[in-house]
C-alpha atoms as a PDB file:
ATOM      1  CA  MET A   1     -53.802 -16.869  41.665  1.00  0.00           C
ATOM      2  CA  ASP A   2     -54.431 -19.343  38.886  1.00  0.00           C
ATOM      3  CA  LYS A   3     -53.245 -22.963  39.944  1.00  0.00           C
ATOM      4  CA  ALA A   4     -53.090 -24.374  43.924  1.00  0.00           C
ATOM      5  CA  LEU A   5     -48.880 -24.258  44.715  1.00  0.00           C
ATOM      6  CA  GLY A   6     -48.996 -27.887  44.836  1.00  0.00           C
ATOM      7  CA  GLU A   7     -50.348 -28.324  41.052  1.00  0.00           C
ATOM      8  CA  ARG A   8     -46.669 -27.847  40.162  1.00  0.00           C
ATOM      9  CA  PRO A   9     -44.313 -30.070  40.156  1.00  0.00           C
ATOM     10  CA  MET A  10     -41.107 -28.837  38.714  1.00  0.00           C
ATOM     11  CA  LEU A  11     -40.512 -26.371  41.165  1.00  0.00           C
ATOM     12  CA  GLY A  12     -40.037 -27.178  44.872  1.00  0.00           C
ATOM     13  CA  ARG A  13     -41.223 -31.163  44.830  1.00  0.00           C
ATOM     14  CA  ALA A  14     -37.208 -31.894  44.769  1.00  0.00           C
ATOM     15  CA  MET A  15     -36.208 -29.077  46.612  1.00  0.00           C
ATOM     16  CA  ASN A  16     -35.956 -28.971  50.658  1.00  0.00           C
ATOM     17  CA  PHE A  17     -36.390 -25.266  51.181  1.00  0.00           C
ATOM     18  CA  ARG A  18     -36.938 -23.579  55.049  1.00  0.00           C
ATOM     19  CA  LEU A  19     -38.882 -20.793  54.128  1.00  0.00           C
ATOM     20  CA  LEU A  20     -39.696 -18.175  57.291  1.00  0.00           C
ATOM     21  CA  SER A  21     -43.019 -15.976  56.372  1.00  0.00           C
ATOM     22  CA  LEU A  22     -43.838 -12.900  58.144  1.00  0.00           C
ATOM     23  CA  CYS A  23     -47.806 -12.743  57.331  1.00  0.00           C
ATOM     24  CA  PRO A  24     -50.050 -10.082  59.051  1.00  0.00           C
ATOM     25  CA  ASP A  25     -53.827 -10.727  59.807  1.00  0.00           C
ATOM     26  CA  ALA A  26     -54.830 -10.024  56.839  1.00  0.00           C
ATOM     27  CA  PRO A  27     -56.991 -12.975  54.879  1.00  0.00           C
ATOM     28  CA  GLU A  28     -55.983 -12.631  51.063  1.00  0.00           C
ATOM     29  CA  LEU A  29     -52.220 -13.050  52.501  1.00  0.00           C
ATOM     30  CA  SER A  30     -53.014 -15.397  54.928  1.00  0.00           C
ATOM     31  CA  THR A  31     -54.717 -17.863  52.524  1.00  0.00           C
ATOM     32  CA  LEU A  32     -51.728 -17.334  50.179  1.00  0.00           C
ATOM     33  CA  CYS A  33     -48.968 -18.323  53.064  1.00  0.00           C
ATOM     34  CA  ASP A  34     -51.721 -21.421  53.894  1.00  0.00           C
ATOM     35  CA  ARG A  35     -51.528 -22.322  50.122  1.00  0.00           C
ATOM     36  CA  LEU A  36     -47.591 -22.121  50.034  1.00  0.00           C
ATOM     37  CA  ALA A  37     -47.273 -24.094  52.770  1.00  0.00           C
ATOM     38  CA  ALA A  38     -49.474 -26.892  51.687  1.00  0.00           C
ATOM     39  CA  GLY A  39     -48.672 -27.154  48.244  1.00  0.00           C
ATOM     40  CA  ALA A  40     -44.880 -27.373  47.452  1.00  0.00           C
ATOM     41  CA  SER A  41     -44.030 -30.370  48.650  1.00  0.00           C
ATOM     42  CA  GLY A  42     -40.765 -30.808  50.765  1.00  0.00           C
ATOM     43  CA  TRP A  43     -40.944 -27.090  51.727  1.00  0.00           C
ATOM     44  CA  ARG A  44     -41.172 -26.212  55.110  1.00  0.00           C
ATOM     45  CA  LEU A  45     -42.932 -22.915  56.063  1.00  0.00           C
ATOM     46  CA  LEU A  46     -42.792 -21.421  59.292  1.00  0.00           C
ATOM     47  CA  ASN A  47     -45.066 -18.589  60.233  1.00  0.00           C
ATOM     48  CA  ALA A  48     -44.895 -15.186  62.647  1.00  0.00           C
ATOM     49  CA  ARG A  49     -46.592 -12.208  63.141  1.00  0.00           C
ATOM     50  CA  THR A  50     -44.045  -9.430  63.754  1.00  0.00           C
ATOM     51  CA  VAL A  51     -40.167  -9.436  63.144  1.00  0.00           C
ATOM     52  CA  ALA A  52     -40.411  -8.819  67.270  1.00  0.00           C
ATOM     53  CA  GLU A  53     -41.356 -12.377  67.849  1.00  0.00           C
ATOM     54  CA  VAL A  54     -38.900 -13.884  65.288  1.00  0.00           C
ATOM     55  CA  LEU A  55     -35.582 -12.305  66.414  1.00  0.00           C
ATOM     56  CA  ARG A  56     -36.747 -13.470  69.793  1.00  0.00           C
ATOM     57  CA  GLU A  57     -37.670 -17.094  69.527  1.00  0.00           C
ATOM     58  CA  HIS A  58     -36.258 -18.181  66.430  1.00  0.00           C
ATOM     59  CA  ASP A  59     -32.542 -19.071  64.359  1.00  0.00           C
ATOM     60  CA  LEU A  60     -32.381 -17.034  61.470  1.00  0.00           C
ATOM     61  CA  THR A  61     -29.254 -19.762  59.590  1.00  0.00           C
ATOM     62  CA  ARG A  62     -32.301 -22.423  60.038  1.00  0.00           C
ATOM     63  CA  PHE A  63     -33.766 -20.300  56.653  1.00  0.00           C
ATOM     64  CA  ASP A  64     -33.195 -20.222  53.835  1.00  0.00           C
ATOM     65  CA  LEU A  65     -35.571 -17.741  52.435  1.00  0.00           C
ATOM     66  CA  SER A  66     -37.797 -15.367  54.504  1.00  0.00           C
ATOM     67  CA  ILE A  67     -41.153 -14.002  53.488  1.00  0.00           C
ATOM     68  CA  VAL A  68     -42.743 -10.720  54.221  1.00  0.00           C
ATOM     69  CA  PHE A  69     -46.425 -10.572  53.162  1.00  0.00           C
ATOM     70  CA  TRP A  70     -47.007  -6.785  52.927  1.00  0.00           C
ATOM     71  CA  SER A  71     -50.579  -4.999  53.146  1.00  0.00           C
ATOM     72  CA  ARG A  72     -52.273  -1.369  53.778  1.00  0.00           C
ATOM     73  CA  GLU A  73     -53.831  -2.880  57.019  1.00  0.00           C
ATOM     74  CA  ALA A  74     -50.741  -3.758  58.614  1.00  0.00           C
ATOM     75  CA  PRO A  75     -48.162  -3.088  56.156  1.00  0.00           C
ATOM     76  CA  TYR A  76     -44.197  -3.629  57.352  1.00  0.00           C
ATOM     77  CA  ARG A  77     -42.130  -0.579  56.880  1.00  0.00           C
ATOM     78  CA  ALA A  78     -39.211  -0.831  55.386  1.00  0.00           C
ATOM     79  CA  GLU A  79     -36.667  -0.537  58.866  1.00  0.00           C
ATOM     80  CA  ASP A  80     -38.691  -3.550  59.761  1.00  0.00           C
ATOM     81  CA  LEU A  81     -37.178  -5.892  56.584  1.00  0.00           C
ATOM     82  CA  GLY A  82     -34.279  -3.847  57.176  1.00  0.00           C
ATOM     83  CA  GLU A  83     -34.148  -4.918  61.311  1.00  0.00           C
ATOM     84  CA  LEU A  84     -34.936  -8.315  60.153  1.00  0.00           C
ATOM     85  CA  ILE A  85     -31.839  -8.743  56.872  1.00  0.00           C
ATOM     86  CA  ALA A  86     -29.979  -7.108  59.632  1.00  0.00           C
ATOM     87  CA  ALA A  87     -30.029  -9.909  61.963  1.00  0.00           C
ATOM     88  CA  ASN A  88     -28.738 -12.288  59.567  1.00  0.00           C
ATOM     89  CA  PRO A  89     -27.487 -10.572  56.313  1.00  0.00           C
ATOM     90  CA  ALA A  90     -27.255 -13.999  54.451  1.00  0.00           C
ATOM     91  CA  LEU A  91     -30.982 -14.663  54.475  1.00  0.00           C
ATOM     92  CA  PRO A  92     -32.369 -13.628  51.542  1.00  0.00           C
ATOM     93  CA  ALA A  93     -36.139 -11.746  50.954  1.00  0.00           C
ATOM     94  CA  ILE A  94     -38.893 -11.168  49.316  1.00  0.00           C
ATOM     95  CA  VAL A  95     -42.274  -9.223  49.805  1.00  0.00           C
ATOM     96  CA  VAL A  96     -45.293 -10.118  48.613  1.00  0.00           C
ATOM     97  CA  GLY A  97     -49.071  -8.532  49.106  1.00  0.00           C
ATOM     98  CA  GLU A  98     -51.759  -6.197  47.394  1.00  0.00           C
ATOM     99  CA  HIS A  99     -51.241  -2.803  45.816  1.00  0.00           C
ATOM    100  CA  ILE A 100     -48.049  -1.896  47.096  1.00  0.00           C
ATOM    101  CA  PRO A 101     -47.712   1.808  46.541  1.00  0.00           C
ATOM    102  CA  GLU A 102     -45.202   2.541  44.073  1.00  0.00           C
ATOM    103  CA  ARG A 103     -42.868   4.597  46.452  1.00  0.00           C
ATOM    104  CA  ALA A 104     -42.957   1.636  49.195  1.00  0.00           C
ATOM    105  CA  ALA A 105     -41.975  -0.997  46.533  1.00  0.00           C
ATOM    106  CA  ARG A 106     -38.991   1.249  46.001  1.00  0.00           C
ATOM    107  CA  ARG A 107     -38.039   1.767  50.095  1.00  0.00           C
ATOM    108  CA  LEU A 108     -38.328  -1.710  50.291  1.00  0.00           C
ATOM    109  CA  VAL A 109     -36.077  -2.779  47.838  1.00  0.00           C
ATOM    110  CA  ARG A 110     -34.064  -0.433  49.146  1.00  0.00           C
ATOM    111  CA  ALA A 111     -33.805  -2.029  52.432  1.00  0.00           C
ATOM    112  CA  GLY A 112     -32.746  -5.572  51.041  1.00  0.00           C
ATOM    113  CA  ALA A 113     -35.856  -6.899  49.383  1.00  0.00           C
ATOM    114  CA  GLN A 114     -34.724  -9.391  46.106  1.00  0.00           C
ATOM    115  CA  SER A 115     -38.480  -8.223  44.728  1.00  0.00           C
ATOM    116  CA  VAL A 116     -41.736  -7.099  45.254  1.00  0.00           C
ATOM    117  CA  HIS A 117     -44.319  -9.183  43.907  1.00  0.00           C
ATOM    118  CA  ASP A 118     -48.092  -7.848  43.744  1.00  0.00           C
ATOM    119  CA  ILE A 119     -50.420 -10.704  44.744  1.00  0.00           C
ATOM    120  CA  HIS A 120     -53.724  -9.800  42.025  1.00  0.00           C
ATOM    121  CA  GLU A 121     -50.080  -9.622  39.426  1.00  0.00           C
ATOM    122  CA  ILE A 122     -48.299 -12.540  39.850  1.00  0.00           C
ATOM    123  CA  THR A 123     -49.120 -16.399  39.125  1.00  0.00           C
ATOM    124  CA  ASP A 124     -48.459 -19.265  41.695  1.00  0.00           C
ATOM    125  CA  HIS A 125     -45.729 -20.400  39.276  1.00  0.00           C
ATOM    126  CA  ALA A 126     -43.902 -17.214  38.808  1.00  0.00           C
ATOM    127  CA  PHE A 127     -44.181 -16.758  42.912  1.00  0.00           C
ATOM    128  CA  GLN A 128     -42.615 -20.068  43.418  1.00  0.00           C
ATOM    129  CA  LEU A 129     -40.281 -19.459  40.807  1.00  0.00           C
ATOM    130  CA  ALA A 130     -39.445 -15.770  42.551  1.00  0.00           C
ATOM    131  CA  ILE A 131     -38.647 -17.560  45.819  1.00  0.00           C
ATOM    132  CA  VAL A 132     -36.012 -20.413  44.313  1.00  0.00           C
ATOM    133  CA  THR A 133     -34.700 -17.743  42.174  1.00  0.00           C
ATOM    134  CA  ALA A 134     -34.131 -15.534  45.283  1.00  0.00           C
ATOM    135  CA  ILE A 135     -32.460 -18.541  47.215  1.00  0.00           C
ATOM    136  CA  GLU A 136     -30.376 -19.518  44.416  1.00  0.00           C
ATOM    137  CA  ARG A 137     -28.676 -15.897  44.332  1.00  0.00           C
ATOM    138  CA  ALA A 138     -28.342 -15.808  47.712  1.00  0.00           C
ATOM    139  CA  HIS A 139     -26.566 -19.122  47.148  1.00  0.00           C
ATOM    140  CA  TRP A 140     -24.287 -17.851  44.632  1.00  0.00           C
ATOM    141  CA  LEU A 141     -23.915 -14.645  45.740  1.00  0.00           C
ATOM    142  CA  ARG A 142     -22.358 -16.553  49.197  1.00  0.00           C
ATOM    143  CA  SER A 143     -20.208 -18.727  47.021  1.00  0.00           C
ATOM    144  CA  PHE A 144     -18.792 -15.648  45.525  1.00  0.00           C
ATOM    145  CA  LYS A 145     -17.895 -13.810  48.341  1.00  0.00           C
ATOM    146  CA  ARG A 146     -16.318 -16.934  49.707  1.00  0.00           C
ATOM    147  CA  ALA A 147     -14.036 -17.020  46.263  1.00  0.00           C
ATOM    148  CA  ALA A 148     -12.904 -13.261  47.150  1.00  0.00           C
ATOM    149  CA  ARG A 149     -12.125 -14.076  50.347  1.00  0.00           C
ATOM    150  CA  GLN A 150     -10.350 -17.818  50.243  1.00  0.00           C
ATOM    151  CA  ASP A 151      -7.662 -18.827  48.372  1.00  0.00           C
ATOM    152  CA  ALA A 152      -8.879 -21.822  46.152  1.00  0.00           C
ATOM    153  CA  LEU A 153      -6.124 -24.196  46.275  1.00  0.00           C
ATOM    154  CA  THR A 154      -4.833 -24.094  49.803  1.00  0.00           C
ATOM    155  CA  GLY A 155      -8.272 -22.726  51.787  1.00  0.00           C
ATOM    156  CA  ALA A 156      -6.264 -19.930  53.258  1.00  0.00           C
ATOM    157  CA  LEU A 157      -7.365 -16.773  53.741  1.00  0.00           C
ATOM    158  CA  SER A 158      -7.161 -14.226  50.890  1.00  0.00           C
ATOM    159  CA  ARG A 159      -4.541 -11.169  50.043  1.00  0.00           C
ATOM    160  CA  GLY A 160      -7.555  -9.201  50.680  1.00  0.00           C
ATOM    161  CA  CYS A 161      -8.660 -10.530  53.440  1.00  0.00           C
ATOM    162  CA  PHE A 162      -5.039  -9.651  54.989  1.00  0.00           C
ATOM    163  CA  GLU A 163      -5.067  -5.890  53.819  1.00  0.00           C
ATOM    164  CA  GLU A 164      -8.520  -5.554  55.350  1.00  0.00           C
ATOM    165  CA  ALA A 165      -7.696  -7.831  58.916  1.00  0.00           C
ATOM    166  CA  LEU A 166      -4.098  -5.616  58.621  1.00  0.00           C
ATOM    167  CA  LYS A 167      -5.858  -2.351  58.799  1.00  0.00           C
ATOM    168  CA  ASN A 168      -8.954  -3.805  61.297  1.00  0.00           C
ATOM    169  CA  GLU A 169      -6.092  -4.746  63.849  1.00  0.00           C
ATOM    170  CA  LEU A 170      -4.487  -1.469  63.115  1.00  0.00           C
ATOM    171  CA  THR A 171      -7.043   0.801  64.558  1.00  0.00           C
ATOM    172  CA  ARG A 172      -8.212  -1.811  67.094  1.00  0.00           C
ATOM    173  CA  CYS A 173      -4.497  -1.862  68.470  1.00  0.00           C
ATOM    174  CA  LYS A 174      -4.031   1.971  68.062  1.00  0.00           C
ATOM    175  CA  ARG A 175      -7.423   2.637  70.186  1.00  0.00           C
ATOM    176  CA  HIS A 176      -6.965  -0.042  73.269  1.00  0.00           C
ATOM    177  CA  ASP A 177      -3.428   0.193  73.098  1.00  0.00           C
ATOM    178  CA  ARG A 178      -2.593  -3.469  72.630  1.00  0.00           C
ATOM    179  CA  SER A 179       0.387  -4.963  70.691  1.00  0.00           C
ATOM    180  CA  PHE A 180      -0.002  -7.584  67.544  1.00  0.00           C
ATOM    181  CA  GLY A 181       2.372  -9.298  65.137  1.00  0.00           C
ATOM    182  CA  ILE A 182       2.656 -10.645  61.861  1.00  0.00           C
ATOM    183  CA  ALA A 183       4.911 -13.204  59.524  1.00  0.00           C
ATOM    184  CA  ILE A 184       5.544 -13.108  56.062  1.00  0.00           C
ATOM    185  CA  LEU A 185       6.599 -16.499  55.108  1.00  0.00           C
ATOM    186  CA  ASP A 186       7.518 -17.789  51.612  1.00  0.00           C
ATOM    187  CA  MET A 187       8.245 -21.223  50.629  1.00  0.00           C
ATOM    188  CA  ASN A 188      11.799 -22.658  49.387  1.00  0.00           C
ATOM    189  CA  ARG A 189      12.142 -24.933  46.398  1.00  0.00           C
ATOM    190  CA  LEU A 190       8.640 -24.619  44.956  1.00  0.00           C
ATOM    191  CA  LYS A 191      10.069 -23.957  41.553  1.00  0.00           C
ATOM    192  CA  TYR A 192      12.544 -26.757  41.748  1.00  0.00           C
ATOM    193  CA  LEU A 193       9.159 -29.128  42.405  1.00  0.00           C
ATOM    194  CA  ASN A 194       7.109 -27.762  40.037  1.00  0.00           C
ATOM    195  CA  ASP A 195      10.534 -27.864  36.897  1.00  0.00           C
ATOM    196  CA  THR A 196      11.131 -31.529  38.305  1.00  0.00           C
ATOM    197  CA  TYR A 197       7.649 -32.807  38.975  1.00  0.00           C
ATOM    198  CA  GLY A 198       4.743 -30.660  37.557  1.00  0.00           C
ATOM    199  CA  HIS A 199       2.456 -28.090  39.297  1.00  0.00           C
ATOM    200  CA  ARG A 200       0.316 -30.868  40.702  1.00  0.00           C
ATOM    201  CA  ILE A 201       3.008 -31.859  42.571  1.00  0.00           C
ATOM    202  CA  GLY A 202       4.145 -27.783  43.139  1.00  0.00           C
ATOM    203  CA  ASP A 203       0.550 -27.512  44.020  1.00  0.00           C
ATOM    204  CA  THR A 204       0.757 -30.118  46.854  1.00  0.00           C
ATOM    205  CA  ALA A 205       3.499 -28.624  48.500  1.00  0.00           C
ATOM    206  CA  LEU A 206       1.560 -25.095  48.790  1.00  0.00           C
ATOM    207  CA  LYS A 207      -1.386 -27.032  50.521  1.00  0.00           C
ATOM    208  CA  VAL A 208       0.973 -28.871  53.055  1.00  0.00           C
ATOM    209  CA  CYS A 209       2.440 -25.418  53.893  1.00  0.00           C
ATOM    210  CA  ALA A 210      -0.706 -23.943  54.448  1.00  0.00           C
ATOM    211  CA  ARG A 211      -2.054 -26.710  56.387  1.00  0.00           C
ATOM    212  CA  TRP A 212       0.708 -26.450  58.300  1.00  0.00           C
ATOM    213  CA  LEU A 213       0.694 -22.952  59.064  1.00  0.00           C
ATOM    214  CA  GLU A 214      -2.690 -23.577  60.163  1.00  0.00           C
ATOM    215  CA  SER A 215      -1.606 -26.422  62.739  1.00  0.00           C
ATOM    216  CA  ILE A 216       0.471 -23.834  64.472  1.00  0.00           C
ATOM    217  CA  VAL A 217      -1.031 -20.818  65.259  1.00  0.00           C
ATOM    218  CA  ARG A 218      -3.534 -20.326  68.372  1.00  0.00           C
ATOM    219  CA  SER A 219      -6.848 -20.365  67.078  1.00  0.00           C
ATOM    220  CA  SER A 220      -7.609 -15.967  67.852  1.00  0.00           C
ATOM    221  CA  ASP A 221      -4.748 -16.074  64.736  1.00  0.00           C
ATOM    222  CA  ARG A 222      -5.257 -16.096  60.836  1.00  0.00           C
ATOM    223  CA  VAL A 223      -3.330 -17.685  57.898  1.00  0.00           C
ATOM    224  CA  PHE A 224      -3.380 -15.811  54.508  1.00  0.00           C
ATOM    225  CA  ARG A 225      -2.208 -17.167  51.523  1.00  0.00           C
ATOM    226  CA  LEU A 226      -0.435 -13.346  49.749  1.00  0.00           C
ATOM    227  CA  GLY A 227       0.044 -15.160  46.104  1.00  0.00           C
ATOM    228  CA  GLY A 228       2.453 -17.558  44.785  1.00  0.00           C
ATOM    229  CA  ASP A 229       4.220 -18.950  47.208  1.00  0.00           C
ATOM    230  CA  GLU A 230       4.159 -16.386  50.062  1.00  0.00           C
ATOM    231  CA  PHE A 231       1.943 -16.727  53.021  1.00  0.00           C
ATOM    232  CA  ALA A 232       1.112 -14.549  55.960  1.00  0.00           C
ATOM    233  CA  ILE A 233       0.140 -14.927  59.458  1.00  0.00           C
ATOM    234  CA  LEU A 234      -2.114 -11.968  61.684  1.00  0.00           C
ATOM    235  CA  ILE A 235      -0.841 -12.809  64.911  1.00  0.00           C
ATOM    236  CA  THR A 236      -3.212 -11.096  67.535  1.00  0.00           C
ATOM    237  CA  ASP A 237      -3.023  -9.672  71.465  1.00  0.00           C
ATOM    238  CA  VAL A 238       0.321 -10.054  71.540  1.00  0.00           C
ATOM    239  CA  ASP A 239       1.264  -9.993  75.330  1.00  0.00           C
ATOM    240  CA  GLY A 240       5.168  -9.234  75.663  1.00  0.00           C
ATOM    241  CA  ASP A 241       7.395 -10.667  73.957  1.00  0.00           C
ATOM    242  CA  THR A 242       6.185 -14.332  74.692  1.00  0.00           C
ATOM    243  CA  ASP A 243       3.088 -14.878  72.180  1.00  0.00           C
ATOM    244  CA  LEU A 244       5.651 -14.145  69.449  1.00  0.00           C
ATOM    245  CA  GLN A 245       8.497 -15.852  70.794  1.00  0.00           C
ATOM    246  CA  ASN A 246       5.995 -19.169  70.986  1.00  0.00           C
ATOM    247  CA  ILE A 247       4.846 -18.726  67.191  1.00  0.00           C
ATOM    248  CA  THR A 248       8.749 -17.570  66.255  1.00  0.00           C
ATOM    249  CA  MET A 249       9.604 -20.816  68.052  1.00  0.00           C
ATOM    250  CA  ARG A 250       7.430 -23.313  66.605  1.00  0.00           C
ATOM    251  CA  LEU A 251       8.113 -21.790  63.037  1.00  0.00           C
ATOM    252  CA  GLU A 252      11.902 -22.457  63.561  1.00  0.00           C
ATOM    253  CA  GLN A 253      11.295 -26.048  64.656  1.00  0.00           C
ATOM    254  CA  GLN A 254       8.862 -27.399  62.054  1.00  0.00           C
ATOM    255  CA  ARG A 255       9.785 -25.161  58.658  1.00  0.00           C
ATOM    256  CA  GLU A 256      11.339 -28.283  57.238  1.00  0.00           C
ATOM    257  CA  LEU A 257       8.215 -30.418  55.640  1.00  0.00           C
ATOM    258  CA  ARG A 258       8.423 -33.561  53.544  1.00  0.00           C
ATOM    259  CA  LEU A 259       6.084 -34.673  50.863  1.00  0.00           C
ATOM    260  CA  VAL A 260       6.801 -38.185  48.180  1.00  0.00           C
ATOM    261  CA  ALA A 261       6.625 -36.948  44.763  1.00  0.00           C
ATOM    262  CA  ALA A 262       7.407 -40.138  42.095  1.00  0.00           C
ATOM    263  CA  GLY A 263       8.289 -42.063  44.845  1.00  0.00           C
ATOM    264  CA  ARG A 264      10.853 -39.849  46.324  1.00  0.00           C
ATOM    265  CA  ARG A 265      10.521 -38.140  49.476  1.00  0.00           C
ATOM    266  CA  GLU A 266      11.381 -33.979  48.885  1.00  0.00           C
ATOM    267  CA  ARG A 267      12.375 -31.254  51.546  1.00  0.00           C
ATOM    268  CA  PHE A 268      11.332 -28.178  51.479  1.00  0.00           C
ATOM    269  CA  SER A 269      10.860 -25.432  53.554  1.00  0.00           C
ATOM    270  CA  MET A 270       9.718 -21.663  54.747  1.00  0.00           C
ATOM    271  CA  SER A 271      11.687 -18.367  55.558  1.00  0.00           C
ATOM    272  CA  TYR A 272       9.705 -16.031  57.391  1.00  0.00           C
ATOM    273  CA  GLY A 273      10.368 -13.136  58.871  1.00  0.00           C
ATOM    274  CA  VAL A 274       8.234 -11.312  61.847  1.00  0.00           C
ATOM    275  CA  SER A 275       7.162  -8.385  62.937  1.00  0.00           C
ATOM    276  CA  GLN A 276       5.449  -6.249  65.485  1.00  0.00           C
ATOM    277  CA  PHE A 277       2.711  -3.496  66.679  1.00  0.00           C
ATOM    278  CA  PRO A 278       3.943  -0.873  67.504  1.00  0.00           C
ATOM    279  CA  ALA A 279       8.112  -1.352  68.129  1.00  0.00           C
ATOM    280  CA  ASP A 280       8.555  -2.084  64.497  1.00  0.00           C
ATOM    281  CA  GLY A 281       6.373   0.059  63.191  1.00  0.00           C
ATOM    282  CA  ARG A 282       2.561   2.247  63.167  1.00  0.00           C
ATOM    283  CA  ASN A 283       1.163   1.494  59.797  1.00  0.00           C
ATOM    284  CA  ALA A 284       0.609  -1.692  57.736  1.00  0.00           C
ATOM    285  CA  VAL A 285       3.419  -0.782  54.877  1.00  0.00           C
ATOM    286  CA  ALA A 286       6.033  -0.614  58.155  1.00  0.00           C
ATOM    287  CA  LEU A 287       4.916  -3.511  59.255  1.00  0.00           C
ATOM    288  CA  VAL A 288       4.671  -5.618  56.615  1.00  0.00           C
ATOM    289  CA  ASP A 289       8.159  -4.061  54.927  1.00  0.00           C
ATOM    290  CA  ARG A 290       9.895  -5.324  58.293  1.00  0.00           C
ATOM    291  CA  ALA A 291       8.706  -8.748  57.773  1.00  0.00           C
ATOM    292  CA  ASP A 292       9.365  -8.858  54.616  1.00  0.00           C
ATOM    293  CA  ALA A 293      13.101  -8.104  55.209  1.00  0.00           C
ATOM    294  CA  ARG A 294      13.257 -10.190  57.549  1.00  0.00           C
ATOM    295  CA  MET A 295      12.053 -13.124  55.872  1.00  0.00           C
ATOM    296  CA  TYR A 296      15.088 -12.605  52.658  1.00  0.00           C
ATOM    297  CA  ASP A 297      17.294 -12.734  55.789  1.00  0.00           C
ATOM    298  CA  CYS A 298      16.182 -15.926  56.893  1.00  0.00           C
ATOM    299  CA  LYS A 299      16.097 -16.865  52.783  1.00  0.00           C
ATOM    300  CA  ARG A 300      19.651 -15.998  52.572  1.00  0.00           C
ATOM    301  CA  ALA A 301      21.012 -17.428  55.214  1.00  0.00           C
ATOM    302  CA  ASP A 302      23.160 -20.615  55.714  1.00  0.00           C
ATOM    303  CA  LYS A 303      19.560 -23.390  54.678  1.00  0.00           C
ATOM    304  CA  GLY A 304      16.682 -20.568  55.033  1.00  0.00           C
ATOM    305  CA  ARG A 305      17.969 -21.194  59.157  1.00  0.00           C
ATOM    306  CA  ASN A 306      16.547 -18.304  60.898  1.00  0.00           C
ATOM    307  CA  ARG A 307      18.978 -15.185  63.029  1.00  0.00           C
ATOM    308  CA  ALA A 308      16.598 -14.184  66.202  1.00  0.00           C
ATOM    309  CA  MET A 309      16.892  -9.976  66.488  1.00  0.00           C
ATOM    310  CA  PRO A 310      17.968  -8.711  70.204  1.00  0.00           C
ATOM    311  CA  SER A 311      15.055  -6.915  71.655  1.00  0.00           C
ATOM    312  CA  LYS A 312      17.357  -3.432  71.908  1.00  0.00           C
ATOM    313  CA  ARG A 313      18.301  -3.812  68.243  1.00  0.00           C
ATOM    314  CA  ARG A 314      14.401  -4.157  67.397  1.00  0.00           C
ATOM    315  CA  ALA A 315      13.556  -0.864  69.452  1.00  0.00           C
ATOM    316  CA  LYS A 316      16.138   1.014  67.732  1.00  0.00           C
ATOM    317  CA  LEU A 317      14.779  -0.012  64.317  1.00  0.00           C
ATOM    318  CA  ALA A 318      11.485   1.438  65.615  1.00  0.00           C
ATOM    319  CA  ARG A 319      12.850   4.713  66.921  1.00  0.00           C
ATOM    320  CA  ASN A 320      13.605   5.029  62.866  1.00  0.00           C
ATOM    321  CA  ASP A 321      10.482   4.083  61.370  1.00  0.00           C
ATOM    322  CA  ARG A 322       9.072   7.076  63.435  1.00  0.00           C
END
């Protein structure tokens, strides 16, 4: 290699990375590993010999990158790399070694390596750059995934997450003969707030709604923004009617919300409808449709006041769903 890693102040010195290296007893690779640890100021390097040692003794969430050193004398198999990545999929990995066969390199990439490098062909500077690039790529990938799962305005989970969570909860409850519920909620007066005070106040009202919903649900329940002024709650592990009644009572008693706009106190509320598996349906469409219909009943009622539906009527409607 051309120069010691420490002679490249451009990379590494201003970055505080925590690197995990898997390095077998191969002299040239060990030398490279030692140079990496000594040369890159601000980079902390922890060495391990085997995947089993890593999984047994270290918390992978503490690291920014794993570097797997490959040699013919002690090659890490693609399965070993896959096991390491499976233990923490958010931890990026790169592989560096000497004379890695093309077939082995392809298997390592398929197992999850972001890049594979030959120590006789890559310079110190390029190796450092590969490390930084892998960490930054993993950071952006996590950001994109989080953006896809989370509503940027309110912080609530997204519609796609709701559909996925509802599908998973249906499967789980059918398998274990359990019950769960969903609530569909629609904010009232959002158009008035937008037209009167501008969208900034309307956005503030949506955030207030999301915070209020998060404050009234249990830790096991999840809040979603479906789009516009519509939200949903997934109410898991429902035990009889008690859990749904508690959620419904909190929705009913506290759904008159307030904010200050242009020095004036403005009130707004949320209309809601609740459905329960399996009493109100045995598939996602039936459950959402039933909760949606009850939400519009609530919206049409005087000042959005909800009218409870007797259990016998729910059972009769559920029979019609089947």
